[in-house]
Amino acid sequence: MCVAAPMKVIEIDGDNIRAELGGVTKDARLDVIDQRPELGDYVIIHAGFALHRIDPEEAKITLGLWKEMGVIDEVPE
């Protein structure tokens, strides 16, 4: 089973982004995303692609649940 992570967009360069979660950064492509993100938006990243832009509150709820499960140490503000 694969898990896609909600990550915050910290850089955009054409069709490439860099996103961050808990101090870990990932580069991803925007080729398949449904709605192009802006800086500070949250996106679901899987296998090097941003798949979906999500509401910041939805991201925080998801990340809060991950924290409760011990998957991450803190939830970004």
N, C-alpha and C. Protein backbone atom coordinates (compact mmCIF):
# COMPACT_ATOMS: atom_id res chain seq x y z
N MET A 1 0.84 -1.18 0.00
CA MET A 1 0.00 0.00 0.00
C MET A 1 0.88 1.23 0.00
N CYS A 2 0.49 2.25 -0.76
CA CYS A 2 1.22 3.51 -0.81
C CYS A 2 0.41 4.60 -0.13
N VAL A 3 1.10 5.51 0.50
CA VAL A 3 0.45 6.63 1.16
C VAL A 3 0.95 7.91 0.51
N ALA A 4 0.03 8.75 0.06
CA ALA A 4 0.39 10.05 -0.50
C ALA A 4 0.38 11.06 0.64
N ALA A 5 1.36 11.95 0.65
CA ALA A 5 1.53 12.89 1.75
C ALA A 5 1.02 14.28 1.40
N PRO A 6 0.27 14.93 2.32
CA PRO A 6 -0.07 16.33 2.12
C PRO A 6 1.14 17.18 2.49
N MET A 7 1.63 17.97 1.53
CA MET A 7 2.83 18.77 1.77
C MET A 7 2.58 20.21 1.34
N LYS A 8 3.28 21.14 2.00
CA LYS A 8 3.13 22.57 1.73
C LYS A 8 4.11 23.00 0.64
N VAL A 9 3.61 23.70 -0.38
CA VAL A 9 4.43 24.16 -1.49
C VAL A 9 5.31 25.32 -1.02
N ILE A 10 6.63 25.16 -1.16
CA ILE A 10 7.56 26.21 -0.74
C ILE A 10 8.33 26.84 -1.90
N GLU A 11 8.32 26.22 -3.07
CA GLU A 11 8.95 26.77 -4.27
C GLU A 11 8.19 26.30 -5.49
N ILE A 12 8.11 27.19 -6.49
CA ILE A 12 7.52 26.83 -7.79
C ILE A 12 8.48 27.31 -8.86
N ASP A 13 8.80 26.41 -9.79
CA ASP A 13 9.66 26.74 -10.91
C ASP A 13 9.08 26.08 -12.16
N GLY A 14 8.26 26.82 -12.87
CA GLY A 14 7.61 26.26 -14.06
C GLY A 14 6.66 25.14 -13.68
N ASP A 15 6.92 23.93 -14.18
CA ASP A 15 6.09 22.77 -13.88
C ASP A 15 6.68 21.91 -12.76
N ASN A 16 7.60 22.48 -11.99
CA ASN A 16 8.22 21.78 -10.87
C ASN A 16 7.95 22.54 -9.58
N ILE A 17 7.74 21.79 -8.52
CA ILE A 17 7.59 22.41 -7.20
C ILE A 17 8.52 21.72 -6.21
N ARG A 18 8.75 22.40 -5.12
CA ARG A 18 9.38 21.80 -3.95
C ARG A 18 8.37 22.00 -2.82
N ALA A 19 8.09 20.91 -2.12
CA ALA A 19 7.12 20.95 -1.03
C ALA A 19 7.78 20.39 0.23
N GLU A 20 7.21 20.77 1.39
CA GLU A 20 7.84 20.44 2.67
C GLU A 20 6.81 19.87 3.64
N LEU A 21 7.28 18.93 4.43
CA LEU A 21 6.50 18.36 5.53
C LEU A 21 7.47 17.94 6.62
N GLY A 22 7.37 18.56 7.76
CA GLY A 22 8.20 18.18 8.90
C GLY A 22 9.69 18.31 8.66
N GLY A 23 10.09 19.31 7.89
CA GLY A 23 11.51 19.52 7.61
C GLY A 23 12.04 18.70 6.44
N VAL A 24 11.22 17.83 5.90
CA VAL A 24 11.62 17.02 4.74
C VAL A 24 11.06 17.69 3.49
N THR A 25 11.90 17.88 2.48
CA THR A 25 11.43 18.47 1.23
C THR A 25 11.43 17.43 0.12
N LYS A 26 10.49 17.60 -0.78
CA LYS A 26 10.37 16.73 -1.94
C LYS A 26 10.14 17.59 -3.17
N ASP A 27 10.75 17.20 -4.27
CA ASP A 27 10.49 17.84 -5.55
C ASP A 27 9.41 17.04 -6.26
N ALA A 28 8.52 17.75 -6.94
CA ALA A 28 7.43 17.07 -7.65
C ALA A 28 7.09 17.84 -8.92
N ARG A 29 6.49 17.13 -9.85
CA ARG A 29 6.05 17.70 -11.11
C ARG A 29 4.56 18.07 -11.01
N LEU A 30 4.15 19.01 -11.84
CA LEU A 30 2.76 19.48 -11.86
C LEU A 30 1.98 18.97 -13.08
N ASP A 31 2.50 17.99 -13.76
CA ASP A 31 1.89 17.51 -15.01
C ASP A 31 0.48 16.95 -14.86
N VAL A 32 0.14 16.39 -13.71
CA VAL A 32 -1.15 15.71 -13.59
C VAL A 32 -2.08 16.34 -12.55
N ILE A 33 -1.69 17.45 -11.97
CA ILE A 33 -2.50 18.04 -10.89
C ILE A 33 -3.79 18.64 -11.46
N ASP A 34 -4.85 18.60 -10.66
CA ASP A 34 -6.15 19.08 -11.10
C ASP A 34 -6.27 20.60 -11.03
N GLN A 35 -5.57 21.24 -10.10
CA GLN A 35 -5.65 22.68 -9.92
C GLN A 35 -4.27 23.19 -9.53
N ARG A 36 -3.65 23.99 -10.35
CA ARG A 36 -2.27 24.45 -10.15
C ARG A 36 -2.14 25.17 -8.80
N PRO A 37 -1.16 24.76 -7.98
CA PRO A 37 -1.00 25.37 -6.66
C PRO A 37 -0.22 26.69 -6.72
N GLU A 38 -0.33 27.45 -5.64
CA GLU A 38 0.45 28.65 -5.43
C GLU A 38 1.32 28.40 -4.19
N LEU A 39 2.30 29.28 -3.97
CA LEU A 39 3.14 29.15 -2.77
C LEU A 39 2.27 29.13 -1.53
N GLY A 40 2.58 28.22 -0.62
CA GLY A 40 1.83 28.10 0.63
C GLY A 40 0.66 27.15 0.57
N ASP A 41 0.25 26.75 -0.64
CA ASP A 41 -0.84 25.78 -0.77
C ASP A 41 -0.37 24.40 -0.34
N TYR A 42 -1.32 23.55 0.01
CA TYR A 42 -1.02 22.15 0.31
C TYR A 42 -1.41 21.30 -0.88
N VAL A 43 -0.55 20.33 -1.18
CA VAL A 43 -0.82 19.41 -2.28
C VAL A 43 -0.57 17.98 -1.80
N ILE A 44 -1.24 17.06 -2.45
CA ILE A 44 -0.99 15.64 -2.21
C ILE A 44 0.09 15.22 -3.21
N ILE A 45 1.20 14.70 -2.69
CA ILE A 45 2.31 14.27 -3.54
C ILE A 45 2.46 12.76 -3.43
N HIS A 46 2.64 12.14 -4.60
CA HIS A 46 2.87 10.70 -4.65
C HIS A 46 3.71 10.39 -5.88
N ALA A 47 4.76 9.63 -5.68
CA ALA A 47 5.62 9.14 -6.77
C ALA A 47 6.17 10.27 -7.64
N GLY A 48 6.50 11.41 -7.01
CA GLY A 48 7.13 12.50 -7.73
C GLY A 48 6.19 13.43 -8.46
N PHE A 49 4.88 13.27 -8.23
CA PHE A 49 3.89 14.13 -8.87
C PHE A 49 2.96 14.73 -7.82
N ALA A 50 2.63 16.00 -8.00
CA ALA A 50 1.57 16.62 -7.22
C ALA A 50 0.26 16.19 -7.87
N LEU A 51 -0.59 15.51 -7.10
CA LEU A 51 -1.81 14.94 -7.66
C LEU A 51 -3.03 15.82 -7.48
N HIS A 52 -3.06 16.56 -6.35
CA HIS A 52 -4.29 17.26 -5.99
C HIS A 52 -3.97 18.38 -5.02
N ARG A 53 -4.52 19.55 -5.25
CA ARG A 53 -4.40 20.65 -4.30
C ARG A 53 -5.51 20.49 -3.27
N ILE A 54 -5.17 20.64 -1.98
CA ILE A 54 -6.19 20.45 -0.95
C ILE A 54 -6.32 21.69 -0.07
N ASP A 55 -7.46 21.81 0.53
CA ASP A 55 -7.76 22.90 1.45
C ASP A 55 -6.81 22.84 2.64
N PRO A 56 -6.28 23.98 3.08
CA PRO A 56 -5.34 23.98 4.21
C PRO A 56 -5.92 23.37 5.49
N GLU A 57 -7.20 23.58 5.74
CA GLU A 57 -7.82 22.99 6.94
C GLU A 57 -7.90 21.47 6.83
N GLU A 58 -8.20 20.97 5.63
CA GLU A 58 -8.22 19.52 5.40
C GLU A 58 -6.83 18.93 5.62
N ALA A 59 -5.80 19.65 5.14
CA ALA A 59 -4.42 19.20 5.33
C ALA A 59 -4.08 19.14 6.81
N LYS A 60 -4.46 20.16 7.56
CA LYS A 60 -4.15 20.20 9.00
C LYS A 60 -4.87 19.08 9.76
N ILE A 61 -6.10 18.78 9.36
CA ILE A 61 -6.83 17.67 9.99
C ILE A 61 -6.10 16.36 9.73
N THR A 62 -5.73 16.14 8.46
CA THR A 62 -5.02 14.92 8.10
C THR A 62 -3.70 14.81 8.85
N LEU A 63 -2.94 15.91 8.86
CA LEU A 63 -1.65 15.90 9.55
C LEU A 63 -1.82 15.73 11.06
N GLY A 64 -2.91 16.26 11.61
CA GLY A 64 -3.20 16.05 13.03
C GLY A 64 -3.43 14.58 13.35
N LEU A 65 -4.14 13.90 12.47
CA LEU A 65 -4.36 12.46 12.64
C LEU A 65 -3.04 11.69 12.52
N TRP A 66 -2.19 12.09 11.57
CA TRP A 66 -0.88 11.45 11.43
C TRP A 66 -0.06 11.64 12.69
N LYS A 67 -0.16 12.83 13.32
CA LYS A 67 0.57 13.09 14.56
C LYS A 67 0.06 12.16 15.67
N GLU A 68 -1.25 12.04 15.78
CA GLU A 68 -1.83 11.14 16.79
C GLU A 68 -1.35 9.70 16.61
N MET A 69 -1.13 9.29 15.36
CA MET A 69 -0.67 7.93 15.08
C MET A 69 0.84 7.79 15.23
N GLY A 70 1.54 8.92 15.43
CA GLY A 70 2.99 8.86 15.59
C GLY A 70 3.76 8.87 14.29
N VAL A 71 3.09 9.21 13.18
CA VAL A 71 3.75 9.23 11.88
C VAL A 71 4.63 10.48 11.74
N ILE A 72 4.16 11.61 12.26
CA ILE A 72 4.93 12.85 12.25
C ILE A 72 5.00 13.41 13.66
N ASP A 73 5.96 14.29 13.89
CA ASP A 73 6.16 14.84 15.23
C ASP A 73 5.33 16.07 15.53
N GLU A 74 5.09 16.91 14.51
CA GLU A 74 4.32 18.13 14.75
C GLU A 74 3.50 18.48 13.52
N VAL A 75 2.45 19.25 13.76
CA VAL A 75 1.57 19.71 12.68
C VAL A 75 1.95 21.15 12.36
N PRO A 76 2.24 21.46 11.09
CA PRO A 76 2.59 22.83 10.73
C PRO A 76 1.44 23.78 10.99
N GLU A 77 1.76 25.03 11.25
CA GLU A 77 0.73 26.04 11.49
C GLU A 77 0.26 26.68 10.23
